[in-house]
Protein backbone atom coordinates (compact mmCIF):
# COMPACT_ATOMS: atom_id res chain seq x y z
CA UNK A 1 35.09 63.09 99.60
CA UNK A 2 34.95 60.74 96.43
CA UNK A 3 31.96 60.86 94.06
CA UNK A 4 29.80 57.75 93.28
CA UNK A 5 30.99 57.78 89.65
CA UNK A 6 34.52 57.20 90.67
CA UNK A 7 33.51 54.38 92.94
CA UNK A 8 31.74 52.65 90.05
CA UNK A 9 34.73 52.98 87.81
CA UNK A 10 36.86 51.36 90.41
CA UNK A 11 34.37 48.57 90.91
CA UNK A 12 34.55 47.30 87.33
CA UNK A 13 35.65 43.72 86.87
CA UNK A 14 39.04 42.73 85.45
CA UNK A 15 37.25 41.09 82.35
CA UNK A 16 35.75 44.53 81.56
CA UNK A 17 39.16 46.14 81.82
CA UNK A 18 40.65 43.49 79.63
CA UNK A 19 37.92 44.02 76.88
CA UNK A 20 38.45 47.74 76.90
CA UNK A 21 42.17 47.29 76.41
CA UNK A 22 42.06 47.22 72.68
CA UNK A 23 40.23 50.53 72.46
CA UNK A 24 43.56 52.11 73.52
CA UNK A 25 45.24 51.01 70.19
CA UNK A 26 46.31 47.39 70.99
CA UNK A 27 45.96 45.04 67.94
CA UNK A 28 43.24 42.18 67.97
CA UNK A 29 44.26 38.57 67.80
CA UNK A 30 42.84 38.14 64.27
CA UNK A 31 44.87 41.12 63.11
CA UNK A 32 47.93 39.70 64.68
CA UNK A 33 47.34 36.33 62.78
CA UNK A 34 46.78 38.05 59.43
CA UNK A 35 49.84 40.17 59.79
CA UNK A 36 51.89 37.41 61.31
CA UNK A 37 51.01 34.86 58.38
CA UNK A 38 51.08 36.63 55.00
CA UNK A 39 52.05 33.37 53.37
CA UNK A 40 48.84 31.59 54.21
CA UNK A 41 46.77 34.05 52.17
CA UNK A 42 49.16 33.50 49.23
CA UNK A 43 48.77 29.75 49.53
CA UNK A 44 45.03 29.98 49.59
CA UNK A 45 45.08 32.10 46.41
CA UNK A 46 47.36 29.62 44.69
CA UNK A 47 45.21 26.74 45.73
CA UNK A 48 42.07 28.54 44.36
CA UNK A 49 43.97 29.36 41.08
CA UNK A 50 45.07 25.74 40.81
CA UNK A 51 41.48 24.52 41.24
CA UNK A 52 40.21 26.92 38.57
CA UNK A 53 42.92 25.73 36.18
CA UNK A 54 42.15 22.07 36.86
CA UNK A 55 38.35 22.64 36.35
CA UNK A 56 39.06 24.57 33.09
CA UNK A 57 41.43 21.85 31.83
CA UNK A 58 38.88 19.14 32.77
CA UNK A 59 36.06 20.88 30.92
CA UNK A 60 38.34 21.47 28.00
CA UNK A 61 39.26 17.77 27.83
CA UNK A 62 35.62 16.82 28.36
CA UNK A 63 34.56 19.22 25.55
CA UNK A 64 37.37 17.82 23.28
CA UNK A 65 37.01 14.20 23.96
CA UNK A 66 33.32 13.90 24.63
CA UNK A 67 31.08 16.84 23.77
CA UNK A 68 32.87 17.24 20.41
CA UNK A 69 31.93 13.73 19.55
CA UNK A 70 28.22 14.21 20.17
CA UNK A 71 25.59 16.60 18.83
CA UNK A 72 22.49 17.26 20.91
CA UNK A 73 19.16 18.96 20.39
CA UNK A 74 15.94 19.35 22.28
CA UNK A 75 14.05 20.19 19.03
CA UNK A 76 12.95 16.60 18.53
CA UNK A 77 9.49 15.03 18.35
CA UNK A 78 8.11 11.53 18.22
CA UNK A 79 6.43 10.50 14.88
CA UNK A 80 5.13 7.32 13.23
CA UNK A 81 3.93 5.92 9.92
CA UNK A 82 0.24 5.90 10.84
CA UNK A 83 -2.37 3.76 9.01
CA UNK A 84 -5.57 5.54 7.68
CA UNK A 85 -8.65 3.22 8.01
CA UNK A 86 -11.15 3.87 5.18
CA UNK A 87 -13.81 1.72 3.46
CA UNK A 88 -13.20 0.47 -0.07
CA UNK A 89 -16.93 0.10 -0.80
CA UNK A 90 -19.81 2.33 -0.06
CA UNK A 91 -22.35 1.45 2.59
CA UNK A 92 -24.06 2.48 5.78
CA UNK A 93 -22.21 1.79 9.04
CA UNK A 94 -24.19 -0.75 11.25
CA UNK A 95 -21.50 -1.46 13.86
CA UNK A 96 -18.37 0.19 15.25
CA UNK A 97 -16.42 -1.98 17.70
CA UNK A 98 -13.60 0.33 18.74
CA UNK A 99 -13.12 3.78 20.17
CA UNK A 100 -10.33 6.37 20.52
CA UNK A 101 -7.25 5.28 22.57
CA UNK A 102 -8.13 1.63 22.34
CA UNK A 103 -5.37 -0.78 21.49
CA UNK A 104 -6.05 -3.06 18.49
CA UNK A 105 -4.29 -6.06 16.79
CA UNK A 106 -3.87 -6.61 13.14
CA UNK A 107 -6.98 -8.32 11.71
CA UNK A 108 -9.24 -7.23 14.48
CA UNK A 109 -12.72 -6.04 13.36
CA UNK A 110 -13.09 -2.23 13.55
CA UNK A 111 -16.48 -1.74 12.01
CA UNK A 112 -19.02 -3.27 9.69
CA UNK A 113 -21.09 -1.92 6.74
CA UNK A 114 -24.56 -2.97 5.53
CA UNK A 115 -23.77 -5.81 3.08
CA UNK A 116 -27.20 -6.29 1.44
CA UNK A 117 -26.13 -4.74 -1.95
CA UNK A 118 -22.96 -6.85 -1.95
CA UNK A 119 -25.02 -10.00 -1.18
CA UNK A 120 -27.09 -9.30 -4.19
CA UNK A 121 -24.10 -8.70 -6.39
CA UNK A 122 -22.57 -12.00 -5.30
CA UNK A 123 -25.86 -13.84 -6.24
CA UNK A 124 -25.92 -12.09 -9.64
CA UNK A 125 -22.29 -13.10 -10.27
CA UNK A 126 -22.91 -16.59 -9.40
CA UNK A 127 -25.83 -16.68 -11.94
CA UNK A 128 -23.70 -15.08 -14.62
CA UNK A 129 -20.97 -17.71 -14.09
CA UNK A 130 -23.45 -20.63 -14.35
CA UNK A 131 -24.86 -19.06 -17.56
CA UNK A 132 -21.37 -18.68 -19.07
CA UNK A 133 -20.54 -22.30 -18.25
CA UNK A 134 -23.83 -23.45 -19.81
CA UNK A 135 -23.12 -21.40 -22.92
CA UNK A 136 -19.71 -23.02 -23.29
CA UNK A 137 -21.29 -26.52 -22.95
CA UNK A 138 -23.91 -25.55 -25.60
CA UNK A 139 -21.18 -24.20 -27.88
CA UNK A 140 -19.22 -27.46 -27.51
CA UNK A 141 -22.35 -29.52 -28.20
CA UNK A 142 -23.23 -27.43 -31.19
CA UNK A 143 -19.78 -28.13 -32.65
CA UNK A 144 -20.50 -31.82 -32.47
CA UNK A 145 -23.91 -31.31 -34.10
CA UNK A 146 -22.39 -29.27 -36.85
CA UNK A 147 -19.82 -32.03 -37.51
CA UNK A 148 -22.66 -34.58 -37.74
CA UNK A 149 -24.34 -32.29 -40.23
CA UNK A 150 -21.20 -32.12 -42.31
CA UNK A 151 -20.98 -35.88 -42.33
CA UNK A 152 -24.66 -36.03 -43.41
CA UNK A 153 -23.98 -33.66 -46.26
CA UNK A 154 -21.19 -35.89 -47.45
CA UNK A 155 -23.58 -38.76 -47.57
CA UNK A 156 -26.09 -36.60 -49.50
CA UNK A 157 -23.40 -35.86 -52.07
CA UNK A 158 -22.92 -39.64 -52.53
CA UNK A 159 -26.66 -40.10 -53.05
CA UNK A 160 -26.77 -37.26 -55.47
CA UNK A 161 -23.87 -38.68 -57.53
CA UNK A 162 -25.70 -42.06 -57.65
CA UNK A 163 -28.79 -40.36 -58.88
CA UNK A 164 -26.73 -38.64 -61.50
CA UNK A 165 -25.33 -41.97 -62.73
CA UNK A 166 -28.84 -43.30 -62.89
CA UNK A 167 -30.13 -40.29 -64.78
CA UNK A 168 -27.15 -40.49 -67.14
CA UNK A 169 -28.02 -44.18 -67.86
CA UNK A 170 -31.70 -43.30 -68.48
CA UNK A 171 -30.49 -40.48 -70.82
CA UNK A 172 -28.30 -42.95 -72.87
CA UNK A 173 -31.26 -45.41 -73.23
CA UNK A 174 -33.60 -42.54 -74.16
CA UNK A 175 -31.17 -41.36 -76.80
CA UNK A 176 -30.79 -44.81 -78.27
CA UNK A 177 -34.49 -45.25 -78.32
CA UNK A 178 -35.09 -41.95 -79.98
CA UNK A 179 -32.49 -42.57 -82.56
CA UNK A 180 -34.14 -45.95 -83.37
CA UNK A 181 -37.49 -44.31 -83.77
CA UNK A 182 -36.07 -41.58 -86.03
CA UNK A 183 -34.47 -44.25 -88.27
CA UNK A 184 -37.71 -46.10 -88.70
CA UNK A 185 -39.80 -43.02 -89.38
CA UNK A 186 -38.70 -42.83 -93.03
CA UNK A 187 -39.66 -46.53 -93.54
CA UNK A 188 -43.08 -45.95 -91.80
CA UNK A 189 -42.24 -48.81 -89.35
CA UNK A 190 -43.22 -46.59 -86.29
CA UNK A 191 -46.12 -44.37 -85.65
CA UNK A 192 -45.90 -40.70 -84.86
CA UNK A 193 -47.04 -41.34 -81.20
CA UNK A 194 -44.04 -43.64 -80.68
CA UNK A 195 -41.73 -40.92 -82.02
CA UNK A 196 -43.33 -38.41 -79.78
CA UNK A 197 -43.00 -40.63 -76.73
CA UNK A 198 -39.33 -41.33 -77.51
CA UNK A 199 -38.78 -37.60 -77.84
CA UNK A 200 -40.44 -36.81 -74.51
CA UNK A 201 -38.54 -39.60 -72.85
CA UNK A 202 -35.28 -38.18 -74.13
CA UNK A 203 -36.14 -34.72 -72.78
CA UNK A 204 -37.15 -36.25 -69.43
CA UNK A 205 -33.88 -38.16 -69.12
CA UNK A 206 -31.89 -34.98 -69.93
CA UNK A 207 -33.82 -33.10 -67.29
CA UNK A 208 -33.21 -35.80 -64.70
CA UNK A 209 -29.47 -35.60 -65.41
CA UNK A 210 -29.57 -31.81 -64.85
CA UNK A 211 -31.50 -32.29 -61.63
CA UNK A 212 -29.03 -34.90 -60.45
CA UNK A 213 -26.12 -32.61 -61.13
CA UNK A 214 -27.89 -29.74 -59.36
CA UNK A 215 -28.42 -32.12 -56.36
CA UNK A 216 -24.70 -32.82 -56.30
CA UNK A 217 -23.87 -29.16 -56.36
CA UNK A 218 -26.46 -28.39 -53.63
CA UNK A 219 -25.26 -31.19 -51.33
CA UNK A 220 -21.55 -30.02 -51.88
CA UNK A 221 -22.55 -26.44 -51.02
CA UNK A 222 -24.40 -27.58 -47.93
CA UNK A 223 -21.48 -29.68 -46.73
CA UNK A 224 -19.09 -26.72 -47.20
CA UNK A 225 -21.49 -24.62 -45.16
CA UNK A 226 -21.72 -27.14 -42.47
CA UNK A 227 -17.92 -27.44 -42.34
CA UNK A 228 -17.59 -23.67 -42.12
CA UNK A 229 -20.05 -23.54 -39.31
CA UNK A 230 -18.15 -26.27 -37.60
CA UNK A 231 -14.95 -24.33 -38.02
CA UNK A 232 -16.42 -21.21 -36.61
CA UNK A 233 -17.75 -23.10 -33.72
CA UNK A 234 -14.53 -24.80 -33.10
CA UNK A 235 -12.73 -21.55 -33.04
CA UNK A 236 -14.86 -20.57 -30.03
CA UNK A 237 -13.69 -23.54 -28.06
CA UNK A 238 -10.26 -24.39 -29.60
CA UNK A 239 -7.58 -24.78 -27.01
CA UNK A 240 -9.94 -24.25 -24.05
CA UNK A 241 -11.97 -26.11 -21.64
CA UNK A 242 -14.92 -25.08 -19.65
CA UNK A 243 -12.59 -24.02 -16.78
CA UNK A 244 -10.31 -21.93 -19.20
CA UNK A 245 -12.93 -20.44 -21.54
CA UNK A 246 -12.59 -16.61 -21.65
CA UNK A 247 -16.22 -15.94 -20.96
CA UNK A 248 -16.18 -18.34 -18.00
CA UNK A 249 -13.05 -16.68 -16.74
CA UNK A 250 -14.66 -13.26 -16.96
CA UNK A 251 -17.72 -14.46 -15.07
CA UNK A 252 -15.49 -15.94 -12.41
CA UNK A 253 -13.58 -12.70 -12.05
CA UNK A 254 -16.79 -10.82 -11.60
CA UNK A 255 -17.81 -13.23 -8.93
CA UNK A 256 -14.48 -12.84 -7.13
CA UNK A 257 -14.90 -9.03 -7.27
CA UNK A 258 -18.40 -9.39 -5.82
CA UNK A 259 -17.18 -11.58 -3.00
CA UNK A 260 -14.26 -9.19 -2.41
CA UNK A 261 -16.62 -6.26 -2.12
CA UNK A 262 -18.72 -8.35 0.30
CA UNK A 263 -15.62 -9.11 2.50
CA UNK A 264 -14.71 -5.38 2.44
CA UNK A 265 -17.96 -4.61 4.32
CA UNK A 266 -16.10 -5.95 7.34
CA UNK A 267 -13.22 -3.50 7.95
CA UNK A 268 -10.30 -4.86 9.99
CA UNK A 269 -7.17 -3.31 11.48
CA UNK A 270 -4.27 -3.39 8.98
CA UNK A 271 -1.63 -3.03 11.72
CA UNK A 272 -1.21 -3.27 15.48
CA UNK A 273 -1.62 0.03 17.27
CA UNK A 274 -3.79 2.51 19.02
CA UNK A 275 -7.01 3.98 17.64
CA UNK A 276 -6.95 7.72 17.03
CA UNK A 277 -9.17 10.25 15.27
CA UNK A 278 -12.27 8.13 15.04
CA UNK A 279 -14.60 10.04 12.77
CA UNK A 280 -17.39 7.54 12.15
CA UNK A 281 -20.72 6.86 13.86
CA UNK A 282 -23.34 4.12 13.46
CA UNK A 283 -25.87 5.01 10.72
CA UNK A 284 -23.41 7.04 8.80
CA UNK A 285 -23.10 6.28 5.13
CA UNK A 286 -19.49 6.21 3.88
CA UNK A 287 -18.19 6.61 0.46
CA UNK A 288 -15.11 4.70 -0.73
CA UNK A 289 -11.93 6.46 0.52
CA UNK A 290 -13.62 8.24 3.49
CA UNK A 291 -11.23 8.54 6.41
CA UNK A 292 -12.96 6.73 9.28
CA UNK A 293 -10.18 6.59 11.80
CA UNK A 294 -6.40 6.25 12.21
CA UNK A 295 -4.22 3.66 13.82
CA UNK A 296 -0.89 4.72 15.41
CA UNK A 297 1.71 1.89 15.64
CA UNK A 298 3.06 2.73 19.04
CA UNK A 299 5.66 -0.07 18.87
CA UNK A 300 7.12 1.32 15.60
CA UNK A 301 7.75 4.95 16.52
CA UNK A 302 10.67 7.06 15.42
CA UNK A 303 11.96 10.51 16.26
CA UNK A 304 12.56 13.47 13.91
CA UNK A 305 15.32 15.49 15.51
CA UNK A 306 15.71 18.99 14.01
CA UNK A 307 19.47 19.71 14.13
CA UNK A 308 21.01 23.01 13.21
CA UNK A 309 22.81 22.94 9.97
CA UNK A 310 26.24 23.45 11.66
CA UNK A 311 25.74 20.34 13.65
CA UNK A 312 25.27 17.89 10.70
CA UNK A 313 28.79 17.79 9.47
CA UNK A 314 29.62 14.49 11.21
CA UNK A 315 26.07 13.00 11.15
CA UNK A 316 25.92 9.72 9.14
CA UNK A 317 23.26 7.06 8.63
CA UNK A 318 23.72 4.20 11.13
CA UNK A 319 25.23 6.21 13.94
CA UNK A 320 24.01 5.51 17.42
CA UNK A 321 21.71 7.92 19.32
CA UNK A 322 20.39 8.19 22.82
CA UNK A 323 17.18 10.01 23.67
CA UNK A 324 15.16 11.00 26.68
CA UNK A 325 11.60 12.13 26.85
CA UNK A 326 9.84 14.77 29.04
CA UNK A 327 7.09 12.10 29.63
CA UNK A 328 9.39 9.52 31.38
CA UNK A 329 12.26 11.93 32.48
CA UNK A 330 16.00 11.46 32.36
CA UNK A 331 15.84 8.09 34.11
CA UNK A 332 14.45 6.35 31.05
CA UNK A 333 17.02 6.47 28.13
CA UNK A 334 16.00 5.21 24.63
CA UNK A 335 18.56 3.90 22.23
CA UNK A 336 18.31 4.38 18.44
CA UNK A 337 20.10 4.70 15.14
CA UNK A 338 20.14 7.40 12.49
CA UNK A 339 18.22 6.02 9.50
CA UNK A 340 18.28 9.09 7.28
CA UNK A 341 18.36 12.80 6.78
CA UNK A 342 15.50 14.77 5.33
CA UNK A 343 15.74 15.96 1.71
CA UNK A 344 15.19 19.64 2.74
CA UNK A 345 14.67 21.94 5.67
CA UNK A 346 11.32 22.70 7.15
CA UNK A 347 11.43 26.22 5.63
CA UNK A 348 12.02 24.79 2.18
CA UNK A 349 9.06 22.38 2.56
CA UNK A 350 6.63 25.08 3.74
CA UNK A 351 3.59 25.84 1.72
CA UNK A 352 4.92 29.38 1.17
CA UNK A 353 8.75 29.23 1.29
CA UNK A 354 10.49 32.23 2.91
CA UNK A 355 11.72 34.66 0.18
CA UNK A 356 13.65 37.96 0.73
CA UNK A 357 13.70 40.27 -2.19
CA UNK A 358 14.01 43.63 -0.28
CA UNK A 359 17.74 43.48 0.37
CA UNK A 360 17.31 43.58 4.08
CA UNK A 361 18.64 40.04 4.53
CA UNK A 362 19.40 38.42 7.88
CA UNK A 363 20.85 34.99 7.91
CA UNK A 364 18.75 32.55 10.05
CA UNK A 365 20.28 29.24 11.02
CA UNK A 366 18.26 26.44 9.37
CA UNK A 367 17.38 23.07 10.92
CA UNK A 368 17.30 19.76 9.08
CA UNK A 369 15.23 16.87 10.33
CA UNK A 370 17.27 13.75 11.16
CA UNK A 371 15.22 10.54 11.56
CA UNK A 372 16.16 8.26 14.42
CA UNK A 373 14.64 4.78 14.76
CA UNK A 374 13.83 3.56 18.26
CA UNK A 375 14.15 0.17 19.77
CA UNK A 376 10.71 -1.53 19.75
CA UNK A 377 11.60 -3.48 23.00
CA UNK A 378 12.24 -0.17 24.79
CA UNK A 379 8.99 1.24 23.37
CA UNK A 380 7.06 -1.72 24.79
CA UNK A 381 8.63 -1.17 28.12
CA UNK A 382 8.17 2.58 28.11
CA UNK A 383 5.46 3.60 25.59
CA UNK A 384 5.59 6.91 23.78
CA UNK A 385 2.98 8.78 21.74
CA UNK A 386 3.20 10.73 18.60
CA UNK A 387 4.14 14.43 18.98
CA UNK A 388 5.88 14.13 22.43
CA UNK A 389 9.06 16.15 22.91
CA UNK A 390 12.43 14.34 23.09
CA UNK A 391 16.04 15.23 23.76
CA UNK A 392 18.30 13.63 21.17
CA UNK A 393 22.04 13.01 21.27
CA UNK A 394 23.95 11.43 18.36
CA UNK A 395 27.37 9.87 18.79
CA UNK A 396 29.39 11.05 15.74
CA UNK A 397 32.69 9.47 16.89
CA UNK A 398 32.38 6.87 14.23
CA UNK A 399 30.41 6.27 11.04
CA UNK A 400 28.52 3.27 12.62
């Protein structure tokens, strides 16, 4: 009698018998393929090796023809020549018309100072100018008066000379009359009173001549003095008019200064840009030179790219550069040109330069800032801000 286990073995399907056949040592189809086609594996290895060689060659050519003609760095940052806004006159702030992050145009009013003191200064300068012009007119009129006095003194000299001639004629007649009286004294023809009268007349005539001579000298001296005063006065106005007189010009300069100080109480934007670091409030009193705010010209930005010293051998002023920013991503590419290389590395320009005097020296690769000017049109389309990070690539294949 047969056992159930034997019946179950006999009842197995032909598929099960066929799957169990390899367990008796028969090779699988895959094994048969591998062992039957050894050349296929060799061809795959050759293809893989060829692909590796082509990729390596392509990279070598790319590095030689492309990468070697460009120097790149991600150590680059946006910068700008900012404008400091500061008052040139002292005063109390009465109005501030802008705030941080606000765009402004050149000439736009930023803030106003109290101008009461400047208004008074302008009024004082106007008064000083009027006084100077009046003094010049007075000086010119005085010169004409002094000339008239000199002319009058000339006439007085003529009068004095005529008086001298008259006095001299009287003296001659007195002398003749006195001599006659003296000649008749011996003969007793004249009395003593007549002789005395003739003597007194002669003395009077002589005195009148002396007085006339003194009058001429005095008139001459007065005329000389008048002429000297006229010359001194003329020296004050010679070669000038009221518009060109030195004292008038000085007064006008003071008036212009006063008006300039008055205009400076209204502080305007010197450039186009964005307000930054506003440090002023209404009611605050500012001294000249106090930093009130800063304006960043966002359409005139540049990039300082810090290249390693080994990358700068082929970098020249005028070479083209392409840049991307983290702000806009790689889709926005900026184009610029190299405008200059810094005069020293950042380490050499530090407040305390690095020094090594211990002998334990380790060479550190230095970086030199390279300034790259950006295209203003691209900046207007895709604005940047100072301090943002950039990736810079300079094409060193040519000098320009």
